[in-house]
């Protein structure tokens, strides 16, 4: 696969999605950027902006078809749209649970389903799933978000084994902390149950939620994350399914896997290798 390529990036108006869009344009690619509403992306002759709620399966298929109609092909799909949710499992409402799963898990599924036939016909393509180190371990009060991302990784790993024979690569990007408003204005919260106030205080320094909106949460700049993803897509010989991004990511994954290994080791039939 050679440049220029056609990229489709969901959730492109801000944060990592915006950084990916600008980086792909800078690399001479054409980009179909999806947004849910108003946006501030710049005008560009190789940029097409589509309105899309990724929860809408028919809309996802129409968006992919529109991208191909506009640019003639689809080389890279980046499933970036999603959000975080704070709430103990007991606190989550049915609507909150369904919305986060529809967005963070089923949205990437619908878009992947729409892209695969296009890429299979081309004989080449790349699907990049924006996951998190939280898909390896969990954190109390992030259970819904963790569950959605674990599900994303589950179907994506199976999908990678299914579509590799067609020339389609799959990458699961696992960033650590990214310096965006993910933990600020983009975060959603369940109504708190007082029984978890002590837990929230231990985790966040306060039992009060939602916390004040913030512009950034600290971590790797989104521009650097975008650059690593573009470099990985460009490097055709890189066999990794999971792409760790950020200096904090390897340590977080190692700690999560260590805890899981220790738990399995409590079974005497489990032999450490």
C-alpha atoms as a PDB file:
ATOM      1  CA  UNK A   1       0.000   0.000   0.000  1.00  0.00           C
ATOM      2  CA  UNK A   2       1.529   3.307  -1.049  1.00  0.00           C
ATOM      3  CA  UNK A   3       0.707   6.953  -0.447  1.00  0.00           C
ATOM      4  CA  UNK A   4      -1.555   8.699  -0.946  1.00  0.00           C
ATOM      5  CA  UNK A   5      -4.208   6.700   0.856  1.00  0.00           C
ATOM      6  CA  UNK A   6      -7.837   7.281   1.759  1.00  0.00           C
ATOM      7  CA  UNK A   7      -8.443   7.348   5.495  1.00  0.00           C
ATOM      8  CA  UNK A   8     -11.737   7.347   7.370  1.00  0.00           C
ATOM      9  CA  UNK A   9     -11.524   8.615  10.962  1.00  0.00           C
ATOM     10  CA  UNK A  10     -14.480   8.677  13.348  1.00  0.00           C
ATOM     11  CA  UNK A  11     -14.856  11.154  16.177  1.00  0.00           C
ATOM     12  CA  UNK A  12     -12.647  13.587  14.281  1.00  0.00           C
ATOM     13  CA  UNK A  13     -13.665  16.943  15.694  1.00  0.00           C
ATOM     14  CA  UNK A  14     -11.430  16.979  18.747  1.00  0.00           C
ATOM     15  CA  UNK A  15      -8.776  15.152  20.726  1.00  0.00           C
ATOM     16  CA  UNK A  16      -7.029  12.237  19.089  1.00  0.00           C
ATOM     17  CA  UNK A  17      -9.469  12.126  16.168  1.00  0.00           C
ATOM     18  CA  UNK A  18      -8.662  15.682  15.219  1.00  0.00           C
ATOM     19  CA  UNK A  19      -4.919  15.102  15.593  1.00  0.00           C
ATOM     20  CA  UNK A  20      -5.152  11.999  13.376  1.00  0.00           C
ATOM     21  CA  UNK A  21      -7.125  13.897  10.755  1.00  0.00           C
ATOM     22  CA  UNK A  22      -4.595  16.726  10.559  1.00  0.00           C
ATOM     23  CA  UNK A  23      -1.634  14.326  10.578  1.00  0.00           C
ATOM     24  CA  UNK A  24      -3.107  12.215   7.763  1.00  0.00           C
ATOM     25  CA  UNK A  25      -3.741  15.329   5.669  1.00  0.00           C
ATOM     26  CA  UNK A  26      -0.189  16.504   6.351  1.00  0.00           C
ATOM     27  CA  UNK A  27       1.025  13.112   5.073  1.00  0.00           C
ATOM     28  CA  UNK A  28      -0.823  13.754   1.777  1.00  0.00           C
ATOM     29  CA  UNK A  29      -3.652  11.320   2.467  1.00  0.00           C
ATOM     30  CA  UNK A  30      -7.305  11.975   1.700  1.00  0.00           C
ATOM     31  CA  UNK A  31      -9.495  11.887   4.791  1.00  0.00           C
ATOM     32  CA  UNK A  32     -13.162  11.285   5.424  1.00  0.00           C
ATOM     33  CA  UNK A  33     -13.687  12.655   8.922  1.00  0.00           C
ATOM     34  CA  UNK A  34     -16.895  11.852  10.766  1.00  0.00           C
ATOM     35  CA  UNK A  35     -18.416  14.123  13.399  1.00  0.00           C
ATOM     36  CA  UNK A  36     -21.699  14.064  15.314  1.00  0.00           C
ATOM     37  CA  UNK A  37     -22.513  17.767  15.063  1.00  0.00           C
ATOM     38  CA  UNK A  38     -20.829  21.110  14.608  1.00  0.00           C
ATOM     39  CA  UNK A  39     -17.083  21.005  14.033  1.00  0.00           C
ATOM     40  CA  UNK A  40     -14.079  23.266  13.704  1.00  0.00           C
ATOM     41  CA  UNK A  41     -11.998  21.221  11.257  1.00  0.00           C
ATOM     42  CA  UNK A  42     -10.296  23.330   8.573  1.00  0.00           C
ATOM     43  CA  UNK A  43     -11.359  23.275   4.951  1.00  0.00           C
ATOM     44  CA  UNK A  44      -9.075  21.152   2.789  1.00  0.00           C
ATOM     45  CA  UNK A  45      -9.380  19.830  -0.742  1.00  0.00           C
ATOM     46  CA  UNK A  46      -8.589  16.287   0.452  1.00  0.00           C
ATOM     47  CA  UNK A  47     -10.900  16.421   3.479  1.00  0.00           C
ATOM     48  CA  UNK A  48     -14.546  15.407   3.438  1.00  0.00           C
ATOM     49  CA  UNK A  49     -16.586  15.752   6.596  1.00  0.00           C
ATOM     50  CA  UNK A  50     -19.550  13.473   7.190  1.00  0.00           C
ATOM     51  CA  UNK A  51     -22.162  13.646   9.923  1.00  0.00           C
ATOM     52  CA  UNK A  52     -22.317  10.252  11.654  1.00  0.00           C
ATOM     53  CA  UNK A  53     -23.557   8.824  14.914  1.00  0.00           C
ATOM     54  CA  UNK A  54     -21.577   5.572  15.049  1.00  0.00           C
ATOM     55  CA  UNK A  55     -24.424   3.898  16.951  1.00  0.00           C
ATOM     56  CA  UNK A  56     -26.439   3.964  13.715  1.00  0.00           C
ATOM     57  CA  UNK A  57     -25.547   0.787  11.792  1.00  0.00           C
ATOM     58  CA  UNK A  58     -27.212   1.891   8.548  1.00  0.00           C
ATOM     59  CA  UNK A  59     -25.548   5.274   8.888  1.00  0.00           C
ATOM     60  CA  UNK A  60     -22.156   3.588   9.323  1.00  0.00           C
ATOM     61  CA  UNK A  61     -22.606   1.596   6.115  1.00  0.00           C
ATOM     62  CA  UNK A  62     -23.756   4.728   4.291  1.00  0.00           C
ATOM     63  CA  UNK A  63     -20.719   6.668   5.533  1.00  0.00           C
ATOM     64  CA  UNK A  64     -18.307   4.033   4.247  1.00  0.00           C
ATOM     65  CA  UNK A  65     -20.120   3.919   0.921  1.00  0.00           C
ATOM     66  CA  UNK A  66     -19.928   7.700   0.764  1.00  0.00           C
ATOM     67  CA  UNK A  67     -16.190   7.646   1.405  1.00  0.00           C
ATOM     68  CA  UNK A  68     -15.655   5.224  -1.471  1.00  0.00           C
ATOM     69  CA  UNK A  69     -17.934   7.247  -3.744  1.00  0.00           C
ATOM     70  CA  UNK A  70     -15.926  10.397  -2.977  1.00  0.00           C
ATOM     71  CA  UNK A  71     -12.381   9.026  -3.209  1.00  0.00           C
ATOM     72  CA  UNK A  72     -12.746   5.708  -5.039  1.00  0.00           C
ATOM     73  CA  UNK A  73     -11.371   3.469  -2.282  1.00  0.00           C
ATOM     74  CA  UNK A  74     -10.880   3.082   1.457  1.00  0.00           C
ATOM     75  CA  UNK A  75      -7.411   2.169   2.667  1.00  0.00           C
ATOM     76  CA  UNK A  76      -7.470   2.894   6.394  1.00  0.00           C
ATOM     77  CA  UNK A  77     -10.402   2.966   8.813  1.00  0.00           C
ATOM     78  CA  UNK A  78      -9.715   4.388  12.276  1.00  0.00           C
ATOM     79  CA  UNK A  79     -12.461   3.647  14.780  1.00  0.00           C
ATOM     80  CA  UNK A  80     -11.744   6.449  17.218  1.00  0.00           C
ATOM     81  CA  UNK A  81     -15.187   7.713  18.294  1.00  0.00           C
ATOM     82  CA  UNK A  82     -15.987   6.900  21.899  1.00  0.00           C
ATOM     83  CA  UNK A  83     -16.088   8.257  25.421  1.00  0.00           C
ATOM     84  CA  UNK A  84     -15.372   7.358  29.018  1.00  0.00           C
ATOM     85  CA  UNK A  85     -17.939   6.717  31.728  1.00  0.00           C
ATOM     86  CA  UNK A  86     -17.469   6.933  35.490  1.00  0.00           C
ATOM     87  CA  UNK A  87     -19.813   4.901  37.648  1.00  0.00           C
ATOM     88  CA  UNK A  88     -19.760   1.819  39.840  1.00  0.00           C
ATOM     89  CA  UNK A  89     -21.518  -1.113  38.212  1.00  0.00           C
ATOM     90  CA  UNK A  90     -24.410  -0.770  40.659  1.00  0.00           C
ATOM     91  CA  UNK A  91     -24.816   2.904  39.765  1.00  0.00           C
ATOM     92  CA  UNK A  92     -25.173   2.485  36.005  1.00  0.00           C
ATOM     93  CA  UNK A  93     -28.610   2.861  34.460  1.00  0.00           C
ATOM     94  CA  UNK A  94     -29.799   0.754  31.559  1.00  0.00           C
ATOM     95  CA  UNK A  95     -29.622   3.764  29.246  1.00  0.00           C
ATOM     96  CA  UNK A  96     -26.050   4.552  30.317  1.00  0.00           C
ATOM     97  CA  UNK A  97     -24.942   0.959  29.766  1.00  0.00           C
ATOM     98  CA  UNK A  98     -26.581   0.644  26.367  1.00  0.00           C
ATOM     99  CA  UNK A  99     -25.236   3.998  25.181  1.00  0.00           C
ATOM    100  CA  UNK A 100     -21.598   3.312  26.076  1.00  0.00           C
ATOM    101  CA  UNK A 101     -21.734  -0.176  24.532  1.00  0.00           C
ATOM    102  CA  UNK A 102     -23.492   1.130  21.406  1.00  0.00           C
ATOM    103  CA  UNK A 103     -20.829   3.813  20.994  1.00  0.00           C
ATOM    104  CA  UNK A 104     -17.551   2.251  22.139  1.00  0.00           C
ATOM    105  CA  UNK A 105     -18.199  -1.369  21.122  1.00  0.00           C
ATOM    106  CA  UNK A 106     -20.932  -1.663  18.493  1.00  0.00           C
ATOM    107  CA  UNK A 107     -19.968   1.501  16.600  1.00  0.00           C
ATOM    108  CA  UNK A 108     -16.557   0.063  15.646  1.00  0.00           C
ATOM    109  CA  UNK A 109     -18.235  -3.259  14.842  1.00  0.00           C
ATOM    110  CA  UNK A 110     -20.676  -1.675  12.373  1.00  0.00           C
ATOM    111  CA  UNK A 111     -17.952   0.354  10.651  1.00  0.00           C
ATOM    112  CA  UNK A 112     -15.614  -2.641  10.467  1.00  0.00           C
ATOM    113  CA  UNK A 113     -18.400  -4.708   8.896  1.00  0.00           C
ATOM    114  CA  UNK A 114     -18.967  -1.965   6.340  1.00  0.00           C
ATOM    115  CA  UNK A 115     -15.273  -1.574   5.497  1.00  0.00           C
ATOM    116  CA  UNK A 116     -14.262  -5.229   5.180  1.00  0.00           C
ATOM    117  CA  UNK A 117     -16.027  -5.965   1.843  1.00  0.00           C
ATOM    118  CA  UNK A 118     -14.484  -2.831   0.327  1.00  0.00           C
ATOM    119  CA  UNK A 119     -10.999  -3.698   1.517  1.00  0.00           C
ATOM    120  CA  UNK A 120     -11.401  -7.361   0.546  1.00  0.00           C
ATOM    121  CA  UNK A 121     -12.306  -6.343  -3.008  1.00  0.00           C
ATOM    122  CA  UNK A 122      -9.246  -4.068  -3.114  1.00  0.00           C
ATOM    123  CA  UNK A 123      -7.038  -6.846  -1.743  1.00  0.00           C
ATOM    124  CA  UNK A 124      -5.617  -4.465   0.838  1.00  0.00           C
ATOM    125  CA  UNK A 125      -6.705  -2.336   3.794  1.00  0.00           C
ATOM    126  CA  UNK A 126      -6.072  -1.526   7.429  1.00  0.00           C
ATOM    127  CA  UNK A 127      -8.539  -1.222  10.319  1.00  0.00           C
ATOM    128  CA  UNK A 128      -7.225   0.597  13.395  1.00  0.00           C
ATOM    129  CA  UNK A 129      -9.235   0.220  16.590  1.00  0.00           C
ATOM    130  CA  UNK A 130      -8.539   2.871  19.207  1.00  0.00           C
ATOM    131  CA  UNK A 131      -8.585   0.908  22.443  1.00  0.00           C
ATOM    132  CA  UNK A 132      -6.801   1.574  25.737  1.00  0.00           C
ATOM    133  CA  UNK A 133      -4.572  -0.039  28.327  1.00  0.00           C
ATOM    134  CA  UNK A 134      -7.871  -0.293  30.220  1.00  0.00           C
ATOM    135  CA  UNK A 135      -8.750  -3.151  27.877  1.00  0.00           C
ATOM    136  CA  UNK A 136      -6.080  -5.260  29.576  1.00  0.00           C
ATOM    137  CA  UNK A 137      -6.877  -4.464  33.185  1.00  0.00           C
ATOM    138  CA  UNK A 138      -9.707  -2.670  34.931  1.00  0.00           C
ATOM    139  CA  UNK A 139     -10.242   0.212  37.304  1.00  0.00           C
ATOM    140  CA  UNK A 140     -13.103   0.502  39.798  1.00  0.00           C
ATOM    141  CA  UNK A 141     -15.837   2.890  38.541  1.00  0.00           C
ATOM    142  CA  UNK A 142     -14.736   2.413  34.932  1.00  0.00           C
ATOM    143  CA  UNK A 143     -16.373  -0.995  34.567  1.00  0.00           C
ATOM    144  CA  UNK A 144     -18.710  -0.082  31.687  1.00  0.00           C
ATOM    145  CA  UNK A 145     -15.901   1.544  29.724  1.00  0.00           C
ATOM    146  CA  UNK A 146     -13.569  -1.369  30.449  1.00  0.00           C
ATOM    147  CA  UNK A 147     -16.239  -3.839  29.337  1.00  0.00           C
ATOM    148  CA  UNK A 148     -16.812  -2.017  26.051  1.00  0.00           C
ATOM    149  CA  UNK A 149     -13.092  -1.895  25.265  1.00  0.00           C
ATOM    150  CA  UNK A 150     -12.555  -5.537  26.287  1.00  0.00           C
ATOM    151  CA  UNK A 151     -15.346  -6.431  23.867  1.00  0.00           C
ATOM    152  CA  UNK A 152     -13.747  -4.297  21.162  1.00  0.00           C
ATOM    153  CA  UNK A 153     -10.472  -6.152  21.593  1.00  0.00           C
ATOM    154  CA  UNK A 154     -12.227  -9.531  21.621  1.00  0.00           C
ATOM    155  CA  UNK A 155     -13.951  -9.183  18.281  1.00  0.00           C
ATOM    156  CA  UNK A 156     -10.988  -7.328  16.763  1.00  0.00           C
ATOM    157  CA  UNK A 157      -8.537 -10.121  17.597  1.00  0.00           C
ATOM    158  CA  UNK A 158     -10.879 -12.683  16.037  1.00  0.00           C
ATOM    159  CA  UNK A 159     -11.472 -10.391  13.065  1.00  0.00           C
ATOM    160  CA  UNK A 160      -7.741 -10.003  12.476  1.00  0.00           C
ATOM    161  CA  UNK A 161      -7.428 -13.789  12.069  1.00  0.00           C
ATOM    162  CA  UNK A 162     -10.427 -13.826   9.733  1.00  0.00           C
ATOM    163  CA  UNK A 163      -9.443 -11.043   7.334  1.00  0.00           C
ATOM    164  CA  UNK A 164      -5.659 -11.355   7.192  1.00  0.00           C
ATOM    165  CA  UNK A 165      -5.964 -13.725   4.234  1.00  0.00           C
ATOM    166  CA  UNK A 166      -7.632 -10.911   2.275  1.00  0.00           C
ATOM    167  CA  UNK A 167      -4.745  -8.493   2.741  1.00  0.00           C
ATOM    168  CA  UNK A 168      -6.480  -6.603   5.550  1.00  0.00           C
ATOM    169  CA  UNK A 169      -4.443  -5.660   8.614  1.00  0.00           C
ATOM    170  CA  UNK A 170      -6.012  -5.009  11.997  1.00  0.00           C
ATOM    171  CA  UNK A 171      -4.341  -2.956  14.708  1.00  0.00           C
ATOM    172  CA  UNK A 172      -5.563  -2.530  18.263  1.00  0.00           C
ATOM    173  CA  UNK A 173      -4.007   0.710  19.516  1.00  0.00           C
ATOM    174  CA  UNK A 174      -3.588   0.707  23.306  1.00  0.00           C
ATOM    175  CA  UNK A 175      -2.633   4.194  24.484  1.00  0.00           C
ATOM    176  CA  UNK A 176      -1.978   5.112  28.053  1.00  0.00           C
ATOM    177  CA  UNK A 177      -3.004   8.576  29.197  1.00  0.00           C
ATOM    178  CA  UNK A 178      -3.518  11.054  26.340  1.00  0.00           C
ATOM    179  CA  UNK A 179      -3.429  14.811  26.908  1.00  0.00           C
ATOM    180  CA  UNK A 180      -7.020  15.482  25.790  1.00  0.00           C
ATOM    181  CA  UNK A 181     -10.293  16.332  27.527  1.00  0.00           C
ATOM    182  CA  UNK A 182     -11.271  12.613  27.697  1.00  0.00           C
ATOM    183  CA  UNK A 183     -11.270  12.727  31.510  1.00  0.00           C
ATOM    184  CA  UNK A 184     -12.681  16.253  31.573  1.00  0.00           C
ATOM    185  CA  UNK A 185     -15.502  17.666  29.499  1.00  0.00           C
ATOM    186  CA  UNK A 186     -15.889  14.436  27.518  1.00  0.00           C
ATOM    187  CA  UNK A 187     -16.392  12.205  30.556  1.00  0.00           C
ATOM    188  CA  UNK A 188     -19.879  11.021  31.537  1.00  0.00           C
ATOM    189  CA  UNK A 189     -20.986  10.111  35.046  1.00  0.00           C
ATOM    190  CA  UNK A 190     -23.600   7.965  36.710  1.00  0.00           C
ATOM    191  CA  UNK A 191     -25.566   9.399  39.618  1.00  0.00           C
ATOM    192  CA  UNK A 192     -23.524   8.469  42.692  1.00  0.00           C
ATOM    193  CA  UNK A 193     -24.606   6.023  45.384  1.00  0.00           C
ATOM    194  CA  UNK A 194     -23.298   7.120  48.788  1.00  0.00           C
ATOM    195  CA  UNK A 195     -21.956   3.656  49.571  1.00  0.00           C
ATOM    196  CA  UNK A 196     -19.155   4.291  47.047  1.00  0.00           C
ATOM    197  CA  UNK A 197     -18.120   7.718  48.357  1.00  0.00           C
ATOM    198  CA  UNK A 198     -15.084   6.308  50.170  1.00  0.00           C
ATOM    199  CA  UNK A 199     -13.978   4.474  47.027  1.00  0.00           C
ATOM    200  CA  UNK A 200     -14.297   7.620  44.910  1.00  0.00           C
ATOM    201  CA  UNK A 201     -12.322   9.570  47.476  1.00  0.00           C
ATOM    202  CA  UNK A 202      -9.552   6.948  47.409  1.00  0.00           C
ATOM    203  CA  UNK A 203      -9.452   6.976  43.612  1.00  0.00           C
ATOM    204  CA  UNK A 204     -10.018  10.618  42.772  1.00  0.00           C
ATOM    205  CA  UNK A 205      -9.413  12.569  45.960  1.00  0.00           C
ATOM    206  CA  UNK A 206     -13.079  13.516  46.242  1.00  0.00           C
ATOM    207  CA  UNK A 207     -16.425  11.759  46.379  1.00  0.00           C
ATOM    208  CA  UNK A 208     -18.040  14.489  44.283  1.00  0.00           C
ATOM    209  CA  UNK A 209     -19.009  13.643  40.702  1.00  0.00           C
ATOM    210  CA  UNK A 210     -19.156  14.937  38.108  1.00  0.00           C
ATOM    211  CA  UNK A 211     -15.864  16.671  38.703  1.00  0.00           C
ATOM    212  CA  UNK A 212     -15.227  20.091  37.130  1.00  0.00           C
ATOM    213  CA  UNK A 213     -14.699  20.027  33.371  1.00  0.00           C
ATOM    214  CA  UNK A 214     -11.073  20.331  32.280  1.00  0.00           C
ATOM    215  CA  UNK A 215      -9.381  20.911  28.959  1.00  0.00           C
ATOM    216  CA  UNK A 216      -6.700  18.266  29.369  1.00  0.00           C
ATOM    217  CA  UNK A 217      -5.890  15.313  31.576  1.00  0.00           C
ATOM    218  CA  UNK A 218      -2.124  15.041  31.110  1.00  0.00           C
ATOM    219  CA  UNK A 219      -0.324  12.284  29.254  1.00  0.00           C
ATOM    220  CA  UNK A 220       1.048  11.848  25.763  1.00  0.00           C
ATOM    221  CA  UNK A 221       0.153  14.719  23.404  1.00  0.00           C
ATOM    222  CA  UNK A 222      -2.461  13.592  20.859  1.00  0.00           C
ATOM    223  CA  UNK A 223      -0.215  14.731  18.031  1.00  0.00           C
ATOM    224  CA  UNK A 224       2.461  12.257  19.156  1.00  0.00           C
ATOM    225  CA  UNK A 225      -0.109   9.458  19.431  1.00  0.00           C
ATOM    226  CA  UNK A 226      -1.306  10.281  15.910  1.00  0.00           C
ATOM    227  CA  UNK A 227       2.255  10.230  14.590  1.00  0.00           C
ATOM    228  CA  UNK A 228       2.863   6.772  16.087  1.00  0.00           C
ATOM    229  CA  UNK A 229      -0.307   5.413  14.519  1.00  0.00           C
ATOM    230  CA  UNK A 230       0.590   6.807  11.091  1.00  0.00           C
ATOM    231  CA  UNK A 231       4.087   5.370  11.383  1.00  0.00           C
ATOM    232  CA  UNK A 232       2.678   1.955  12.305  1.00  0.00           C
ATOM    233  CA  UNK A 233       0.272   1.967   9.353  1.00  0.00           C
ATOM    234  CA  UNK A 234       3.134   2.943   7.063  1.00  0.00           C
ATOM    235  CA  UNK A 235       5.382   0.134   8.341  1.00  0.00           C
ATOM    236  CA  UNK A 236       3.955  -2.845   6.477  1.00  0.00           C
ATOM    237  CA  UNK A 237       6.391  -5.324   8.011  1.00  0.00           C
ATOM    238  CA  UNK A 238       5.251  -4.650  11.609  1.00  0.00           C
ATOM    239  CA  UNK A 239       3.326  -7.795  12.677  1.00  0.00           C
ATOM    240  CA  UNK A 240       1.960  -6.461  15.959  1.00  0.00           C
ATOM    241  CA  UNK A 241      -1.761  -6.745  16.587  1.00  0.00           C
ATOM    242  CA  UNK A 242      -1.573  -4.570  19.712  1.00  0.00           C
ATOM    243  CA  UNK A 243       0.263  -1.261  19.524  1.00  0.00           C
ATOM    244  CA  UNK A 244       1.280   0.208  22.882  1.00  0.00           C
ATOM    245  CA  UNK A 245       1.428   4.007  22.767  1.00  0.00           C
ATOM    246  CA  UNK A 246       2.886   6.287  25.426  1.00  0.00           C
ATOM    247  CA  UNK A 247       5.667   5.799  27.948  1.00  0.00           C
ATOM    248  CA  UNK A 248       3.148   4.773  30.627  1.00  0.00           C
ATOM    249  CA  UNK A 249       1.400   2.101  28.529  1.00  0.00           C
ATOM    250  CA  UNK A 250       3.880  -0.825  28.827  1.00  0.00           C
ATOM    251  CA  UNK A 251       4.055  -0.585  32.617  1.00  0.00           C
ATOM    252  CA  UNK A 252       0.282  -0.463  32.998  1.00  0.00           C
ATOM    253  CA  UNK A 253      -0.171  -3.510  30.771  1.00  0.00           C
ATOM    254  CA  UNK A 254       2.588  -5.405  32.556  1.00  0.00           C
ATOM    255  CA  UNK A 255       1.005  -4.700  35.949  1.00  0.00           C
ATOM    256  CA  UNK A 256      -2.444  -5.806  34.752  1.00  0.00           C
ATOM    257  CA  UNK A 257      -1.120  -9.033  33.245  1.00  0.00           C
ATOM    258  CA  UNK A 258       0.872  -9.746  36.394  1.00  0.00           C
ATOM    259  CA  UNK A 259      -2.278  -9.516  38.518  1.00  0.00           C
ATOM    260  CA  UNK A 260      -4.148 -11.818  36.160  1.00  0.00           C
ATOM    261  CA  UNK A 261      -1.293 -14.316  36.110  1.00  0.00           C
ATOM    262  CA  UNK A 262      -1.182 -14.315  39.919  1.00  0.00           C
ATOM    263  CA  UNK A 263      -4.910 -14.976  40.030  1.00  0.00           C
ATOM    264  CA  UNK A 264      -4.691 -17.922  37.618  1.00  0.00           C
ATOM    265  CA  UNK A 265      -1.733 -19.271  39.593  1.00  0.00           C
ATOM    266  CA  UNK A 266      -4.020 -19.808  42.594  1.00  0.00           C
ATOM    267  CA  UNK A 267      -5.296 -22.842  40.690  1.00  0.00           C
ATOM    268  CA  UNK A 268      -2.749 -25.642  41.338  1.00  0.00           C
ATOM    269  CA  UNK A 269      -3.319 -26.952  37.804  1.00  0.00           C
ATOM    270  CA  UNK A 270      -2.002 -23.707  36.346  1.00  0.00           C
ATOM    271  CA  UNK A 271       1.707 -23.997  35.708  1.00  0.00           C
ATOM    272  CA  UNK A 272       3.757 -20.863  35.227  1.00  0.00           C
ATOM    273  CA  UNK A 273       5.940 -20.811  32.159  1.00  0.00           C
END
